[in-house]
Amino acid sequence: MRIGMLGAGTVAQALARHAIRQGHEVVLSNSRGPASLTPLVRELGPLASAGTPAEAAAADLVVLAVGWPRVPEVAASLPRLDGTVVVDATNQFATLPPNPRIADLGDLTGSEYVASLLPGARVVKAFNALFAQYIAADPRHAAGRQVLFLAGDDPDAKRTVERLADSFGFAPVDLGPLREGGRLIQLGGPLSGLHVLKQD
């Protein structure tokens, strides 16, 4: 599979490493341009490349892993993603720690808002509820595998993300649609930051 990363921070890099270990090609992008990613691409090896956000978004599966304030700008820069599976790994931080504030989206969940900015995309909320260092680490532990909560409105898209996460070593748990499931794992939700192992 060819996986596009919108963002090249700690979460995107962690997922890129997992993907490359499984033989997937990864296209990384950021706001500073492909040239700024040359050292990272060299470190990741021949399955990694750098591109523009539009080039990353042309991949088979796309991961949105940018800071919340940049989400509208990034979404507006992309072509229509009709049918593309987009993993929404964002958290709706209006301001970051040490003085964090959650963006007020009214009745919408964060991923419903993201989906509204990406018409035609099949959005799956995943990888947002774990700190980056726990995404980067081996999800297989002596007591079981790290649970990965996910939510989405498209069953086939969720199955694609589940298979990918399972190949990384995570134990995917489907929480249902973006509205109900997304609310459980977004900032302020009861499963946000909850680290659970599934006994195999």
Protein backbone atom coordinates (compact mmCIF):
# COMPACT_ATOMS: atom_id res chain seq x y z
CA MET A 1 0.00 0.00 0.00
CA ARG A 2 1.06 3.58 -0.55
CA ILE A 3 0.37 5.69 2.54
CA GLY A 4 0.37 9.49 2.51
CA MET A 5 1.17 11.49 5.63
CA LEU A 6 -0.30 14.95 5.99
CA GLY A 7 2.13 16.12 8.62
CA ALA A 8 5.60 14.87 9.53
CA GLY A 9 5.64 15.25 13.31
CA THR A 10 6.01 12.59 15.98
CA VAL A 11 2.73 10.77 15.26
CA ALA A 12 3.27 10.74 11.49
CA GLN A 13 6.84 9.54 11.91
CA ALA A 14 5.78 6.77 14.31
CA LEU A 15 3.15 5.50 11.88
CA ALA A 16 5.55 5.84 8.96
CA ARG A 17 8.06 3.59 10.71
CA HIS A 18 5.42 0.94 11.42
CA ALA A 19 4.24 1.10 7.81
CA ILE A 20 7.71 0.84 6.33
CA ARG A 21 8.50 -2.16 8.53
CA GLN A 22 5.49 -3.85 6.91
CA GLY A 23 6.74 -3.04 3.41
CA HIS A 24 4.43 -0.11 2.63
CA GLU A 25 5.57 2.98 0.74
CA VAL A 26 5.17 6.24 2.66
CA VAL A 27 4.92 9.79 1.28
CA LEU A 28 5.50 12.45 3.94
CA SER A 29 4.48 16.08 3.64
CA ASN A 30 4.53 19.20 5.76
CA SER A 31 4.02 22.94 5.52
CA ARG A 32 7.70 23.69 4.85
CA GLY A 33 8.02 21.71 1.63
CA PRO A 34 9.56 18.40 0.56
CA ALA A 35 13.16 19.62 0.77
CA SER A 36 12.82 20.11 4.53
CA LEU A 37 12.07 16.40 4.89
CA THR A 38 15.23 15.16 3.13
CA PRO A 39 17.05 14.12 6.34
CA LEU A 40 14.00 12.25 7.65
CA VAL A 41 13.38 10.49 4.33
CA ARG A 42 17.05 9.45 4.19
CA GLU A 43 16.76 8.04 7.72
CA LEU A 44 13.54 6.13 6.93
CA GLY A 45 15.04 4.47 3.86
CA PRO A 46 14.03 3.69 0.29
CA LEU A 47 10.33 3.13 0.96
CA ALA A 48 9.98 6.74 2.17
CA SER A 49 9.67 9.85 0.03
CA ALA A 50 8.67 13.47 0.49
CA GLY A 51 6.00 15.35 -1.41
CA THR A 52 3.49 18.13 -1.25
CA PRO A 53 0.29 17.61 0.75
CA ALA A 54 -1.57 17.07 -2.54
CA GLU A 55 0.92 14.38 -3.55
CA ALA A 56 0.62 12.68 -0.17
CA ALA A 57 -3.16 12.83 -0.46
CA ALA A 58 -3.00 10.89 -3.75
CA ALA A 59 -1.90 7.76 -1.85
CA ASP A 60 -4.06 4.68 -1.26
CA LEU A 61 -4.60 5.66 2.38
CA VAL A 62 -3.99 9.07 3.95
CA VAL A 63 -3.14 9.95 7.56
CA LEU A 64 -4.08 13.43 8.80
CA ALA A 65 -1.62 14.23 11.58
CA VAL A 66 -1.25 18.00 11.75
CA GLY A 67 -1.90 20.43 14.58
CA TRP A 68 -5.59 21.23 14.97
CA PRO A 69 -5.31 24.93 13.99
CA ARG A 70 -3.85 23.84 10.61
CA VAL A 71 -6.60 21.34 9.74
CA PRO A 72 -8.81 23.77 7.73
CA GLU A 73 -5.83 25.15 5.80
CA VAL A 74 -4.51 21.68 4.94
CA ALA A 75 -7.96 20.41 3.95
CA ALA A 76 -8.52 23.43 1.71
CA SER A 77 -5.23 22.76 -0.12
CA LEU A 78 -6.24 19.23 -1.17
CA PRO A 79 -8.16 17.99 -4.19
CA ARG A 80 -11.36 16.06 -3.55
CA LEU A 81 -10.56 12.74 -1.90
CA ASP A 82 -13.49 10.78 -3.26
CA GLY A 83 -13.39 7.29 -1.77
CA THR A 84 -10.01 7.77 -0.09
CA VAL A 85 -9.63 6.35 3.42
CA VAL A 86 -8.41 9.17 5.66
CA VAL A 87 -7.19 8.31 9.16
CA ASP A 88 -7.90 11.29 11.38
CA ALA A 89 -5.21 11.26 14.06
CA THR A 90 -5.86 14.85 15.16
CA ASN A 91 -7.02 16.19 18.51
CA GLN A 92 -9.04 19.38 18.72
CA PHE A 93 -6.59 21.43 20.79
CA ALA A 94 -7.41 25.10 20.24
CA THR A 95 -4.35 25.80 22.40
CA LEU A 96 -1.67 23.34 23.44
CA PRO A 97 -0.42 22.37 26.91
CA PRO A 98 0.63 23.70 29.39
CA ASN A 99 -2.59 25.71 29.02
CA PRO A 100 -4.66 23.42 26.81
CA ARG A 101 -8.07 24.45 25.55
CA ILE A 102 -10.45 22.22 23.60
CA ALA A 103 -11.91 23.79 20.46
CA ASP A 104 -15.63 24.39 20.66
CA LEU A 105 -17.25 22.59 17.73
CA GLY A 106 -20.80 22.79 19.02
CA ASP A 107 -22.58 19.47 18.53
CA LEU A 108 -19.96 18.08 16.13
CA THR A 109 -17.24 15.66 17.11
CA GLY A 110 -13.74 16.49 15.93
CA SER A 111 -13.85 13.85 13.23
CA GLU A 112 -17.28 14.91 12.00
CA TYR A 113 -15.80 18.37 11.57
CA VAL A 114 -12.78 16.93 9.73
CA ALA A 115 -15.10 14.88 7.50
CA SER A 116 -17.07 18.03 6.66
CA LEU A 117 -13.83 19.59 5.35
CA LEU A 118 -12.98 16.53 3.22
CA PRO A 119 -16.10 15.78 1.17
CA GLY A 120 -15.97 12.34 -0.40
CA ALA A 121 -13.28 11.03 1.95
CA ARG A 122 -13.98 8.01 4.14
CA VAL A 123 -12.79 9.28 7.51
CA VAL A 124 -11.74 6.90 10.29
CA LYS A 125 -10.80 8.31 13.68
CA ALA A 126 -7.74 6.45 15.02
CA PHE A 127 -4.33 6.93 16.64
CA ASN A 128 -5.42 10.18 18.33
CA ALA A 129 -6.07 8.76 21.80
CA LEU A 130 -2.50 7.51 22.32
CA PHE A 131 0.55 9.62 23.06
CA ALA A 132 3.05 9.48 20.22
CA GLN A 133 5.65 7.53 22.21
CA TYR A 134 3.14 4.72 22.73
CA ILE A 135 2.30 4.67 19.03
CA ALA A 136 6.00 4.48 18.18
CA ALA A 137 6.74 1.66 20.63
CA ASP A 138 6.14 -2.00 19.87
CA PRO A 139 2.43 -2.49 20.67
CA ARG A 140 3.03 -6.13 21.57
CA HIS A 141 3.60 -6.63 25.30
CA ALA A 142 3.97 -9.67 27.52
CA ALA A 143 0.44 -9.11 28.86
CA GLY A 144 -1.15 -8.45 25.47
CA ARG A 145 -1.36 -6.01 22.58
CA GLN A 146 -1.96 -2.27 22.84
CA VAL A 147 -5.61 -1.56 22.07
CA LEU A 148 -6.26 0.91 19.27
CA PHE A 149 -9.70 2.48 19.47
CA LEU A 150 -11.19 3.61 16.18
CA ALA A 151 -14.47 4.98 14.87
CA GLY A 152 -15.94 5.70 11.45
CA ASP A 153 -19.10 5.72 9.36
CA ASP A 154 -17.81 3.49 6.53
CA PRO A 155 -17.45 -0.21 7.50
CA ASP A 156 -15.05 -1.03 4.65
CA ALA A 157 -12.81 1.92 5.53
CA LYS A 158 -12.72 0.79 9.14
CA ARG A 159 -11.78 -2.73 8.09
CA THR A 160 -8.90 -1.33 6.03
CA VAL A 161 -7.59 0.60 9.05
CA GLU A 162 -8.15 -2.38 11.34
CA ARG A 163 -6.11 -4.67 9.07
CA LEU A 164 -3.30 -2.12 8.86
CA ALA A 165 -3.24 -1.52 12.63
CA ASP A 166 -3.34 -5.26 13.29
CA SER A 167 -0.34 -5.76 11.01
CA PHE A 168 1.51 -3.13 13.08
CA GLY A 169 0.78 -5.21 16.19
CA PHE A 170 -2.11 -3.21 17.65
CA ALA A 171 -5.42 -4.72 18.75
CA PRO A 172 -8.11 -2.65 16.95
CA VAL A 173 -11.42 -2.03 18.74
CA ASP A 174 -14.27 -0.57 16.67
CA LEU A 175 -16.35 1.91 18.70
CA GLY A 176 -18.95 2.56 16.00
CA PRO A 177 -19.73 5.74 14.03
CA LEU A 178 -17.84 9.03 14.10
CA ARG A 179 -20.51 10.65 16.25
CA GLU A 180 -20.81 8.11 19.04
CA GLY A 181 -17.41 6.41 18.81
CA GLY A 182 -15.53 9.56 17.95
CA ARG A 183 -16.90 11.29 21.02
CA LEU A 184 -15.53 8.51 23.24
CA ILE A 185 -11.94 8.88 22.01
CA GLN A 186 -11.63 12.57 21.26
CA LEU A 187 -10.25 15.06 23.78
CA GLY A 188 -12.43 15.05 26.88
CA GLY A 189 -13.87 11.64 26.01
CA PRO A 190 -13.65 8.77 28.52
CA LEU A 191 -11.27 6.73 26.34
CA SER A 192 -8.89 9.56 25.43
CA GLY A 193 -5.44 8.73 26.79
CA LEU A 194 -6.63 5.36 28.12
CA HIS A 195 -3.98 2.70 27.61
CA VAL A 196 -5.44 -0.78 27.46
CA LEU A 197 -3.95 -4.14 26.58
CA LYS A 198 -5.98 -6.86 24.91
CA GLN A 199 -5.15 -10.32 26.20
CA ASP A 200 -4.48 -12.67 23.28
